[in-house]
Amino acid sequence: PGVVVGYERNIETNARLEQAGIEVLRIAGSELGSGRGGP
């Protein structure tokens, strides 16, 4: 609860999550995301 994995490239969304008290564990996804899917 309150700890999530997200793609590092989504800078604004990650910032909003952290402002709301959510810890974001950032991962790279430039190639993983080519099939349209996140963590």
Full PDB file with SEQRES, HELIX, SHEET, SSBOND, CRYST1, ORIGX, SCALE, CONECT and MASTER records, all heavy atoms in Angstrom:
SEQRES   1 A   39  PRO GLY VAL VAL VAL GLY TYR GLU ARG ASN ILE GLU THR          
SEQRES   2 A   39  ASN ALA ARG LEU GLU GLN ALA GLY ILE GLU VAL LEU ARG          
SEQRES   3 A   39  ILE ALA GLY SER GLU LEU GLY SER GLY ARG GLY GLY PRO          
HELIX    1 AA1 ILE A   11  GLN A   19  1                                   9    
HELIX    2 AA2 LEU A   32  GLY A   35  5                                   4    
SHEET    1 AA1 2 VAL A   3  TYR A   7  0                                        
SHEET    2 AA1 2 GLU A  23  ILE A  27  1                                        
CRYST1    1.000    1.000    1.000  90.00  90.00  90.00 P 1           1          
ORIGX1      1.000000  0.000000  0.000000        0.00000                         
ORIGX2      0.000000  1.000000  0.000000        0.00000                         
ORIGX3      0.000000  0.000000  1.000000        0.00000                         
SCALE1      1.000000  0.000000  0.000000        0.00000                         
SCALE2      0.000000  1.000000  0.000000        0.00000                         
SCALE3      0.000000  0.000000  1.000000        0.00000                         
ATOM      1  N   PRO A   1       0.838  -1.209   0.000  1.00  0.00           N  
ATOM      2  CA  PRO A   1       0.000   0.000   0.000  1.00  0.00           C  
ATOM      3  C   PRO A   1       0.872   1.257   0.000  1.00  0.00           C  
ATOM      4  O   PRO A   1       1.740   1.433   0.861  1.00  0.00           O  
ATOM      5  CB  PRO A   1      -0.781  -0.126   1.315  1.00  0.00           C  
ATOM      6  CG  PRO A   1      -0.785  -1.584   1.629  1.00  0.00           C  
ATOM      7  CD  PRO A   1       0.538  -2.093   1.144  1.00  0.00           C  
ATOM      8  N   GLY A   2       0.683   2.110  -1.013  1.00  0.00           N  
ATOM      9  CA  GLY A   2       1.451   3.343  -1.089  1.00  0.00           C  
ATOM     10  C   GLY A   2       2.841   3.200  -1.650  1.00  0.00           C  
ATOM     11  O   GLY A   2       3.627   4.155  -1.621  1.00  0.00           O  
ATOM     12  N   VAL A   3       3.190   2.034  -2.198  1.00  0.00           N  
ATOM     13  CA  VAL A   3       4.489   1.810  -2.843  1.00  0.00           C  
ATOM     14  C   VAL A   3       4.236   1.128  -4.180  1.00  0.00           C  
ATOM     15  O   VAL A   3       3.700   0.013  -4.216  1.00  0.00           O  
ATOM     16  CB  VAL A   3       5.422   0.932  -1.984  1.00  0.00           C  
ATOM     17  CG1 VAL A   3       6.783   0.772  -2.662  1.00  0.00           C  
ATOM     18  CG2 VAL A   3       5.577   1.501  -0.589  1.00  0.00           C  
ATOM     19  N   VAL A   4       4.599   1.804  -5.295  1.00  0.00           N  
ATOM     20  CA  VAL A   4       4.287   1.259  -6.614  1.00  0.00           C  
ATOM     21  C   VAL A   4       5.508   1.315  -7.519  1.00  0.00           C  
ATOM     22  O   VAL A   4       6.415   2.136  -7.328  1.00  0.00           O  
ATOM     23  CB  VAL A   4       3.117   2.017  -7.281  1.00  0.00           C  
ATOM     24  CG1 VAL A   4       1.868   1.971  -6.410  1.00  0.00           C  
ATOM     25  CG2 VAL A   4       3.485   3.464  -7.605  1.00  0.00           C  
ATOM     26  N   VAL A   5       5.512   0.440  -8.513  1.00  0.00           N  
ATOM     27  CA  VAL A   5       6.518   0.469  -9.569  1.00  0.00           C  
ATOM     28  C   VAL A   5       5.909   1.179 -10.777  1.00  0.00           C  
ATOM     29  O   VAL A   5       4.773   0.890 -11.168  1.00  0.00           O  
ATOM     30  CB  VAL A   5       6.953  -0.952  -9.973  1.00  0.00           C  
ATOM     31  CG1 VAL A   5       8.056  -0.886 -11.041  1.00  0.00           C  
ATOM     32  CG2 VAL A   5       7.432  -1.740  -8.762  1.00  0.00           C  
ATOM     33  N   GLY A   6       6.655   2.123 -11.360  1.00  0.00           N  
ATOM     34  CA  GLY A   6       6.186   2.842 -12.539  1.00  0.00           C  
ATOM     35  C   GLY A   6       7.335   3.128 -13.475  1.00  0.00           C  
ATOM     36  O   GLY A   6       8.510   3.121 -13.071  1.00  0.00           O  
ATOM     37  N   TYR A   7       7.015   3.384 -14.735  1.00  0.00           N  
ATOM     38  CA  TYR A   7       8.051   3.751 -15.708  1.00  0.00           C  
ATOM     39  C   TYR A   7       8.622   5.128 -15.375  1.00  0.00           C  
ATOM     40  O   TYR A   7       7.882   6.078 -15.106  1.00  0.00           O  
ATOM     41  CB  TYR A   7       7.479   3.769 -17.119  1.00  0.00           C  
ATOM     42  CG  TYR A   7       7.351   2.417 -17.781  1.00  0.00           C  
ATOM     43  CD1 TYR A   7       6.332   2.181 -18.709  1.00  0.00           C  
ATOM     44  CD2 TYR A   7       8.248   1.390 -17.532  1.00  0.00           C  
ATOM     45  CE1 TYR A   7       6.202   0.959 -19.344  1.00  0.00           C  
ATOM     46  CE2 TYR A   7       8.136   0.158 -18.166  1.00  0.00           C  
ATOM     47  CZ  TYR A   7       7.112  -0.053 -19.073  1.00  0.00           C  
ATOM     48  OH  TYR A   7       6.991  -1.269 -19.705  1.00  0.00           O  
ATOM     49  N   GLU A   8       9.933   5.262 -15.442  1.00  0.00           N  
ATOM     50  CA  GLU A   8      10.600   6.513 -15.086  1.00  0.00           C  
ATOM     51  C   GLU A   8      10.237   7.656 -16.037  1.00  0.00           C  
ATOM     52  O   GLU A   8      10.292   8.827 -15.652  1.00  0.00           O  
ATOM     53  CB  GLU A   8      12.118   6.313 -15.085  1.00  0.00           C  
ATOM     54  CG  GLU A   8      12.684   5.921 -16.443  1.00  0.00           C  
ATOM     55  CD  GLU A   8      14.187   5.650 -16.416  1.00  0.00           C  
ATOM     56  OE1 GLU A   8      14.784   5.757 -15.322  1.00  0.00           O  
ATOM     57  OE2 GLU A   8      14.753   5.326 -17.479  1.00  0.00           O  
ATOM     58  N   ARG A   9       9.838   7.338 -17.271  1.00  0.00           N  
ATOM     59  CA  ARG A   9       9.596   8.393 -18.257  1.00  0.00           C  
ATOM     60  C   ARG A   9       8.342   9.206 -17.958  1.00  0.00           C  
ATOM     61  O   ARG A   9       8.176  10.292 -18.501  1.00  0.00           O  
ATOM     62  CB  ARG A   9       9.497   7.770 -19.649  1.00  0.00           C  
ATOM     63  CG  ARG A   9       8.307   6.843 -19.837  1.00  0.00           C  
ATOM     64  CD  ARG A   9       8.382   6.119 -21.162  1.00  0.00           C  
ATOM     65  NE  ARG A   9       7.267   5.206 -21.351  1.00  0.00           N  
ATOM     66  CZ  ARG A   9       7.357   4.082 -22.036  1.00  0.00           C  
ATOM     67  NH1 ARG A   9       8.494   3.736 -22.582  1.00  0.00           N  
ATOM     68  NH2 ARG A   9       6.304   3.303 -22.193  1.00  0.00           N  
ATOM     69  N   ASN A  10       7.447   8.673 -17.117  1.00  0.00           N  
ATOM     70  CA  ASN A  10       6.212   9.395 -16.805  1.00  0.00           C  
ATOM     71  C   ASN A  10       6.463  10.362 -15.651  1.00  0.00           C  
ATOM     72  O   ASN A  10       5.975  10.196 -14.535  1.00  0.00           O  
ATOM     73  CB  ASN A  10       5.100   8.395 -16.481  1.00  0.00           C  
ATOM     74  CG  ASN A  10       4.736   7.567 -17.702  1.00  0.00           C  
ATOM     75  OD1 ASN A  10       4.445   8.109 -18.764  1.00  0.00           O  
ATOM     76  ND2 ASN A  10       4.787   6.258 -17.557  1.00  0.00           N  
ATOM     77  N   ILE A  11       7.209  11.401 -15.951  1.00  0.00           N  
ATOM     78  CA  ILE A  11       7.742  12.308 -14.935  1.00  0.00           C  
ATOM     79  C   ILE A  11       6.628  13.012 -14.175  1.00  0.00           C  
ATOM     80  O   ILE A  11       6.648  13.084 -12.933  1.00  0.00           O  
ATOM     81  CB  ILE A  11       8.688  13.336 -15.600  1.00  0.00           C  
ATOM     82  CG1 ILE A  11       9.913  12.609 -16.173  1.00  0.00           C  
ATOM     83  CG2 ILE A  11       9.109  14.408 -14.590  1.00  0.00           C  
ATOM     84  CD1 ILE A  11      10.810  13.495 -17.026  1.00  0.00           C  
ATOM     85  N   GLU A  12       5.639  13.540 -14.883  1.00  0.00           N  
ATOM     86  CA  GLU A  12       4.601  14.323 -14.214  1.00  0.00           C  
ATOM     87  C   GLU A  12       3.689  13.433 -13.369  1.00  0.00           C  
ATOM     88  O   GLU A  12       3.312  13.788 -12.249  1.00  0.00           O  
ATOM     89  CB  GLU A  12       3.786  15.110 -15.248  1.00  0.00           C  
ATOM     90  CG  GLU A  12       4.600  16.066 -16.105  1.00  0.00           C  
ATOM     91  CD  GLU A  12       5.229  17.192 -15.297  1.00  0.00           C  
ATOM     92  OE1 GLU A  12       4.846  17.365 -14.122  1.00  0.00           O  
ATOM     93  OE2 GLU A  12       6.102  17.891 -15.832  1.00  0.00           O  
ATOM     94  N   THR A  13       3.326  12.286 -13.902  1.00  0.00           N  
ATOM     95  CA  THR A  13       2.466  11.374 -13.132  1.00  0.00           C  
ATOM     96  C   THR A  13       3.185  10.891 -11.875  1.00  0.00           C  
ATOM     97  O   THR A  13       2.604  10.847 -10.782  1.00  0.00           O  
ATOM     98  CB  THR A  13       2.053  10.168 -13.991  1.00  0.00           C  
ATOM     99  OG1 THR A  13       1.324  10.644 -15.133  1.00  0.00           O  
ATOM    100  CG2 THR A  13       1.176   9.208 -13.202  1.00  0.00           C  
ATOM    101  N   ASN A  14       4.462  10.543 -12.015  1.00  0.00           N  
ATOM    102  CA  ASN A  14       5.232  10.106 -10.849  1.00  0.00           C  
ATOM    103  C   ASN A  14       5.326  11.217  -9.804  1.00  0.00           C  
ATOM    104  O   ASN A  14       5.245  10.963  -8.594  1.00  0.00           O  
ATOM    105  CB  ASN A  14       6.629   9.656 -11.271  1.00  0.00           C  
ATOM    106  CG  ASN A  14       6.605   8.394 -12.113  1.00  0.00           C  
ATOM    107  OD1 ASN A  14       5.632   7.641 -12.092  1.00  0.00           O  
ATOM    108  ND2 ASN A  14       7.667   8.159 -12.869  1.00  0.00           N  
ATOM    109  N   ALA A  15       5.469  12.453 -10.274  1.00  0.00           N  
ATOM    110  CA  ALA A  15       5.532  13.585  -9.340  1.00  0.00           C  
ATOM    111  C   ALA A  15       4.210  13.744  -8.595  1.00  0.00           C  
ATOM    112  O   ALA A  15       4.188  13.994  -7.382  1.00  0.00           O  
ATOM    113  CB  ALA A  15       5.877  14.870 -10.089  1.00  0.00           C  
ATOM    114  N   ARG A  16       3.097  13.578  -9.302  1.00  0.00           N  
ATOM    115  CA  ARG A  16       1.786  13.700  -8.658  1.00  0.00           C  
ATOM    116  C   ARG A  16       1.585  12.586  -7.637  1.00  0.00           C  
ATOM    117  O   ARG A  16       1.023  12.804  -6.555  1.00  0.00           O  
ATOM    118  CB  ARG A  16       0.668  13.678  -9.702  1.00  0.00           C  
ATOM    119  CG  ARG A  16       0.591  14.918 -10.559  1.00  0.00           C  
ATOM    120  CD  ARG A  16      -0.609  14.881 -11.498  1.00  0.00           C  
ATOM    121  NE  ARG A  16      -1.849  15.029 -10.757  1.00  0.00           N  
ATOM    122  CZ  ARG A  16      -2.417  16.206 -10.451  1.00  0.00           C  
ATOM    123  NH1 ARG A  16      -1.818  17.332 -10.803  1.00  0.00           N  
ATOM    124  NH2 ARG A  16      -3.560  16.266  -9.808  1.00  0.00           N  
ATOM    125  N   LEU A  17       2.029  11.402  -7.973  1.00  0.00           N  
ATOM    126  CA  LEU A  17       1.915  10.296  -7.028  1.00  0.00           C  
ATOM    127  C   LEU A  17       2.713  10.593  -5.755  1.00  0.00           C  
ATOM    128  O   LEU A  17       2.232  10.393  -4.635  1.00  0.00           O  
ATOM    129  CB  LEU A  17       2.407   8.996  -7.673  1.00  0.00           C  
ATOM    130  CG  LEU A  17       1.479   8.366  -8.713  1.00  0.00           C  
ATOM    131  CD1 LEU A  17       2.219   7.308  -9.524  1.00  0.00           C  
ATOM    132  CD2 LEU A  17       0.259   7.743  -8.046  1.00  0.00           C  
ATOM    133  N   GLU A  18       3.923  11.079  -5.923  1.00  0.00           N  
ATOM    134  CA  GLU A  18       4.752  11.356  -4.755  1.00  0.00           C  
ATOM    135  C   GLU A  18       4.193  12.502  -3.919  1.00  0.00           C  
ATOM    136  O   GLU A  18       4.275  12.480  -2.689  1.00  0.00           O  
ATOM    137  CB  GLU A  18       6.186  11.631  -5.205  1.00  0.00           C  
ATOM    138  CG  GLU A  18       6.860  10.366  -5.719  1.00  0.00           C  
ATOM    139  CD  GLU A  18       8.258  10.581  -6.239  1.00  0.00           C  
ATOM    140  OE1 GLU A  18       8.571  11.696  -6.696  1.00  0.00           O  
ATOM    141  OE2 GLU A  18       9.052   9.615  -6.189  1.00  0.00           O  
ATOM    142  N   GLN A  19       3.604  13.489  -4.585  1.00  0.00           N  
ATOM    143  CA  GLN A  19       2.956  14.574  -3.848  1.00  0.00           C  
ATOM    144  C   GLN A  19       1.792  14.051  -3.008  1.00  0.00           C  
ATOM    145  O   GLN A  19       1.454  14.629  -1.973  1.00  0.00           O  
ATOM    146  CB  GLN A  19       2.467  15.654  -4.817  1.00  0.00           C  
ATOM    147  CG  GLN A  19       3.582  16.459  -5.463  1.00  0.00           C  
ATOM    148  CD  GLN A  19       3.108  17.250  -6.662  1.00  0.00           C  
ATOM    149  OE1 GLN A  19       1.907  17.330  -6.941  1.00  0.00           O  
ATOM    150  NE2 GLN A  19       4.043  17.852  -7.383  1.00  0.00           N  
ATOM    151  N   ALA A  20       1.197  12.967  -3.448  1.00  0.00           N  
ATOM    152  CA  ALA A  20       0.072  12.368  -2.717  1.00  0.00           C  
ATOM    153  C   ALA A  20       0.535  11.354  -1.671  1.00  0.00           C  
ATOM    154  O   ALA A  20      -0.290  10.677  -1.058  1.00  0.00           O  
ATOM    155  CB  ALA A  20      -0.892  11.709  -3.703  1.00  0.00           C  
ATOM    156  N   GLY A  21       1.835  11.227  -1.491  1.00  0.00           N  
ATOM    157  CA  GLY A  21       2.343  10.326  -0.470  1.00  0.00           C  
ATOM    158  C   GLY A  21       2.658   8.928  -0.946  1.00  0.00           C  
ATOM    159  O   GLY A  21       2.893   8.024  -0.139  1.00  0.00           O  
ATOM    160  N   ILE A  22       2.678   8.721  -2.258  1.00  0.00           N  
ATOM    161  CA  ILE A  22       2.967   7.401  -2.827  1.00  0.00           C  
ATOM    162  C   ILE A  22       4.446   7.321  -3.186  1.00  0.00           C  
ATOM    163  O   ILE A  22       4.969   8.190  -3.878  1.00  0.00           O  
ATOM    164  CB  ILE A  22       2.121   7.144  -4.089  1.00  0.00           C  
ATOM    165  CG1 ILE A  22       0.628   7.314  -3.796  1.00  0.00           C  
ATOM    166  CG2 ILE A  22       2.413   5.761  -4.652  1.00  0.00           C  
ATOM    167  CD1 ILE A  22       0.078   6.363  -2.778  1.00  0.00           C  
ATOM    168  N   GLU A  23       5.119   6.275  -2.746  1.00  0.00           N  
ATOM    169  CA  GLU A  23       6.503   6.041  -3.149  1.00  0.00           C  
ATOM    170  C   GLU A  23       6.517   5.373  -4.514  1.00  0.00           C  
ATOM    171  O   GLU A  23       5.837   4.362  -4.725  1.00  0.00           O  
ATOM    172  CB  GLU A  23       7.217   5.156  -2.128  1.00  0.00           C  
ATOM    173  CG  GLU A  23       8.673   4.881  -2.481  1.00  0.00           C  
ATOM    174  CD  GLU A  23       9.360   3.935  -1.521  1.00  0.00           C  
ATOM    175  OE1 GLU A  23       8.733   3.546  -0.498  1.00  0.00           O  
ATOM    176  OE2 GLU A  23      10.528   3.564  -1.785  1.00  0.00           O  
ATOM    177  N   VAL A  24       7.271   5.944  -5.452  1.00  0.00           N  
ATOM    178  CA  VAL A  24       7.347   5.391  -6.806  1.00  0.00           C  
ATOM    179  C   VAL A  24       8.725   4.772  -7.024  1.00  0.00           C  
ATOM    180  O   VAL A  24       9.752   5.461  -6.919  1.00  0.00           O  
ATOM    181  CB  VAL A  24       7.085   6.470  -7.874  1.00  0.00           C  
ATOM    182  CG1 VAL A  24       7.166   5.849  -9.273  1.00  0.00           C  
ATOM    183  CG2 VAL A  24       5.732   7.130  -7.660  1.00  0.00           C  
ATOM    184  N   LEU A  25       8.751   3.487  -7.311  1.00  0.00           N  
ATOM    185  CA  LEU A  25       9.981   2.776  -7.653  1.00  0.00           C  
ATOM    186  C   LEU A  25      10.107   2.831  -9.171  1.00  0.00           C  
ATOM    187  O   LEU A  25       9.399   2.131  -9.900  1.00  0.00           O  
ATOM    188  CB  LEU A  25       9.913   1.323  -7.162  1.00  0.00           C  
ATOM    189  CG  LEU A  25       9.541   1.144  -5.687  1.00  0.00           C  
ATOM    190  CD1 LEU A  25       9.351  -0.339  -5.368  1.00  0.00           C  
ATOM    191  CD2 LEU A  25      10.575   1.772  -4.770  1.00  0.00           C  
ATOM    192  N   ARG A  26      10.998   3.664  -9.656  1.00  0.00           N  
ATOM    193  CA  ARG A  26      11.089   3.928 -11.092  1.00  0.00           C  
ATOM    194  C   ARG A  26      11.920   2.870 -11.807  1.00  0.00           C  
ATOM    195  O   ARG A  26      12.986   2.490 -11.323  1.00  0.00           O  
ATOM    196  CB  ARG A  26      11.683   5.309 -11.334  1.00  0.00           C  
ATOM    197  CG  ARG A  26      10.781   6.461 -10.915  1.00  0.00           C  
ATOM    198  CD  ARG A  26      11.569   7.771 -10.884  1.00  0.00           C  
ATOM    199  NE  ARG A  26      10.710   8.932 -10.677  1.00  0.00           N  
ATOM    200  CZ  ARG A  26      10.222   9.301  -9.495  1.00  0.00           C  
ATOM    201  NH1 ARG A  26      10.503   8.572  -8.424  1.00  0.00           N  
ATOM    202  NH2 ARG A  26       9.456  10.377  -9.391  1.00  0.00           N  
ATOM    203  N   ILE A  27      11.428   2.436 -12.968  1.00  0.00           N  
ATOM    204  CA  ILE A  27      12.184   1.514 -13.814  1.00  0.00           C  
ATOM    205  C   ILE A  27      12.208   2.055 -15.234  1.00  0.00           C  
ATOM    206  O   ILE A  27      11.311   2.799 -15.652  1.00  0.00           O  
ATOM    207  CB  ILE A  27      11.595   0.088 -13.819  1.00  0.00           C  
ATOM    208  CG1 ILE A  27      10.171   0.071 -14.399  1.00  0.00           C  
ATOM    209  CG2 ILE A  27      11.628  -0.520 -12.423  1.00  0.00           C  
ATOM    210  CD1 ILE A  27       9.638  -1.316 -14.686  1.00  0.00           C  
ATOM    211  N   ALA A  28      13.245   1.692 -15.979  1.00  0.00           N  
ATOM    212  CA  ALA A  28      13.323   2.060 -17.393  1.00  0.00           C  
ATOM    213  C   ALA A  28      12.375   1.181 -18.199  1.00  0.00           C  
ATOM    214  O   ALA A  28      12.153   0.017 -17.870  1.00  0.00           O  
ATOM    215  CB  ALA A  28      14.754   1.901 -17.893  1.00  0.00           C  
ATOM    216  N   GLY A  29      11.828   1.752 -19.275  1.00  0.00           N  
ATOM    217  CA  GLY A  29      10.894   0.972 -20.088  1.00  0.00           C  
ATOM    218  C   GLY A  29      10.867   1.376 -21.538  1.00  0.00           C  
ATOM    219  O   GLY A  29       9.866   1.169 -22.222  1.00  0.00           O  
ATOM    220  N   SER A  30      11.977   1.925 -22.051  1.00  0.00           N  
ATOM    221  CA  SER A  30      11.972   2.397 -23.436  1.00  0.00           C  
ATOM    222  C   SER A  30      11.743   1.269 -24.421  1.00  0.00           C  
ATOM    223  O   SER A  30      11.093   1.444 -25.452  1.00  0.00           O  
ATOM    224  CB  SER A  30      13.281   3.114 -23.753  1.00  0.00           C  
ATOM    225  OG  SER A  30      14.380   2.233 -23.595  1.00  0.00           O  
ATOM    226  N   GLU A  31      12.251   0.066 -24.113  1.00  0.00           N  
ATOM    227  CA  GLU A  31      12.052  -1.083 -24.998  1.00  0.00           C  
ATOM    228  C   GLU A  31      10.907  -1.973 -24.521  1.00  0.00           C  
ATOM    229  O   GLU A  31      10.146  -2.498 -25.332  1.00  0.00           O  
ATOM    230  CB  GLU A  31      13.347  -1.902 -25.085  1.00  0.00           C  
ATOM    231  CG  GLU A  31      14.517  -1.132 -25.650  1.00  0.00           C  
ATOM    232  CD  GLU A  31      14.236  -0.533 -27.021  1.00  0.00           C  
ATOM    233  OE1 GLU A  31      13.705  -1.254 -27.888  1.00  0.00           O  
ATOM    234  OE2 GLU A  31      14.534   0.663 -27.210  1.00  0.00           O  
ATOM    235  N   LEU A  32      10.755  -2.137 -23.221  1.00  0.00           N  
ATOM    236  CA  LEU A  32       9.666  -2.970 -22.709  1.00  0.00           C  
ATOM    237  C   LEU A  32       8.307  -2.428 -23.125  1.00  0.00           C  
ATOM    238  O   LEU A  32       7.360  -3.181 -23.353  1.00  0.00           O  
ATOM    239  CB  LEU A  32       9.737  -3.045 -21.172  1.00  0.00           C  
ATOM    240  CG  LEU A  32      10.912  -3.813 -20.574  1.00  0.00           C  
ATOM    241  CD1 LEU A  32      10.879  -3.715 -19.050  1.00  0.00           C  
ATOM    242  CD2 LEU A  32      10.881  -5.279 -21.001  1.00  0.00           C  
ATOM    243  N   GLY A  33       8.196  -1.105 -23.231  1.00  0.00           N  
ATOM    244  CA  GLY A  33       6.908  -0.499 -23.541  1.00  0.00           C  
ATOM    245  C   GLY A  33       6.494  -0.562 -24.992  1.00  0.00           C  
ATOM    246  O   GLY A  33       5.406  -0.075 -25.346  1.00  0.00           O  
ATOM    247  N   SER A  34       7.312  -1.161 -25.863  1.00  0.00           N  
ATOM    248  CA  SER A  34       6.982  -1.181 -27.287  1.00  0.00           C  
ATOM    249  C   SER A  34       5.770  -2.049 -27.599  1.00  0.00           C  
ATOM    250  O   SER A  34       5.199  -1.957 -28.676  1.00  0.00           O  
ATOM    251  CB  SER A  34       8.184  -1.651 -28.108  1.00  0.00           C  
ATOM    252  OG  SER A  34       8.592  -2.936 -27.707  1.00  0.00           O  
ATOM    253  N   GLY A  35       5.373  -2.890 -26.658  1.00  0.00           N  
ATOM    254  CA  GLY A  35       4.165  -3.691 -26.839  1.00  0.00           C  
ATOM    255  C   GLY A  35       2.966  -3.103 -26.126  1.00  0.00           C  
ATOM    256  O   GLY A  35       1.927  -3.741 -26.017  1.00  0.00           O  
ATOM    257  N   ARG A  36       3.114  -1.854 -25.643  1.00  0.00           N  
ATOM    258  CA  ARG A  36       2.047  -1.121 -24.945  1.00  0.00           C  
ATOM    259  C   ARG A  36       1.653  -1.835 -23.657  1.00  0.00           C  
ATOM    260  O   ARG A  36       0.582  -2.392 -23.531  1.00  0.00           O  
ATOM    261  CB  ARG A  36       0.819  -0.927 -25.837  1.00  0.00           C  
ATOM    262  CG  ARG A  36       1.033  -0.086 -27.070  1.00  0.00           C  
ATOM    263  CD  ARG A  36       0.742   1.391 -26.871  1.00  0.00           C  
ATOM    264  NE  ARG A  36       1.603   2.060 -25.922  1.00  0.00           N  
ATOM    265  CZ  ARG A  36       2.835   2.519 -26.210  1.00  0.00           C  
ATOM    266  NH1 ARG A  36       3.337   2.333 -27.387  1.00  0.00           N  
ATOM    267  NH2 ARG A  36       3.541   3.137 -25.283  1.00  0.00           N  
ATOM    268  N   GLY A  37       2.570  -1.787 -22.695  1.00  0.00           N  
ATOM    269  CA  GLY A  37       2.276  -2.355 -21.392  1.00  0.00           C  
ATOM    270  C   GLY A  37       3.270  -1.879 -20.356  1.00  0.00           C  
ATOM    271  O   GLY A  37       4.455  -1.730 -20.653  1.00  0.00           O  
ATOM    272  N   GLY A  38       2.777  -1.622 -19.146  1.00  0.00           N  
ATOM    273  CA  GLY A  38       3.627  -1.146 -18.072  1.00  0.00           C  
ATOM    274  C   GLY A  38       3.880  -2.211 -17.031  1.00  0.00           C  
ATOM    275  O   GLY A  38       3.653  -3.406 -17.255  1.00  0.00           O  
ATOM    276  N   PRO A  39       4.353  -1.798 -15.845  1.00  0.00           N  
ATOM    277  CA  PRO A  39       4.692  -2.766 -14.799  1.00  0.00           C  
ATOM    278  C   PRO A  39       3.540  -3.684 -14.402  1.00  0.00           C  
ATOM    279  O   PRO A  39       3.765  -4.860 -14.118  1.00  0.00           O  
ATOM    280  CB  PRO A  39       5.126  -1.867 -13.634  1.00  0.00           C  
ATOM    281  CG  PRO A  39       5.656  -0.639 -14.298  1.00  0.00           C  
ATOM    282  CD  PRO A  39       4.776  -0.426 -15.490  1.00  0.00           C  
TER     283      PRO A  39                                                      
MASTER        0    0    0    2    2    0    0    6  282    1    0    3          
END                                                                             
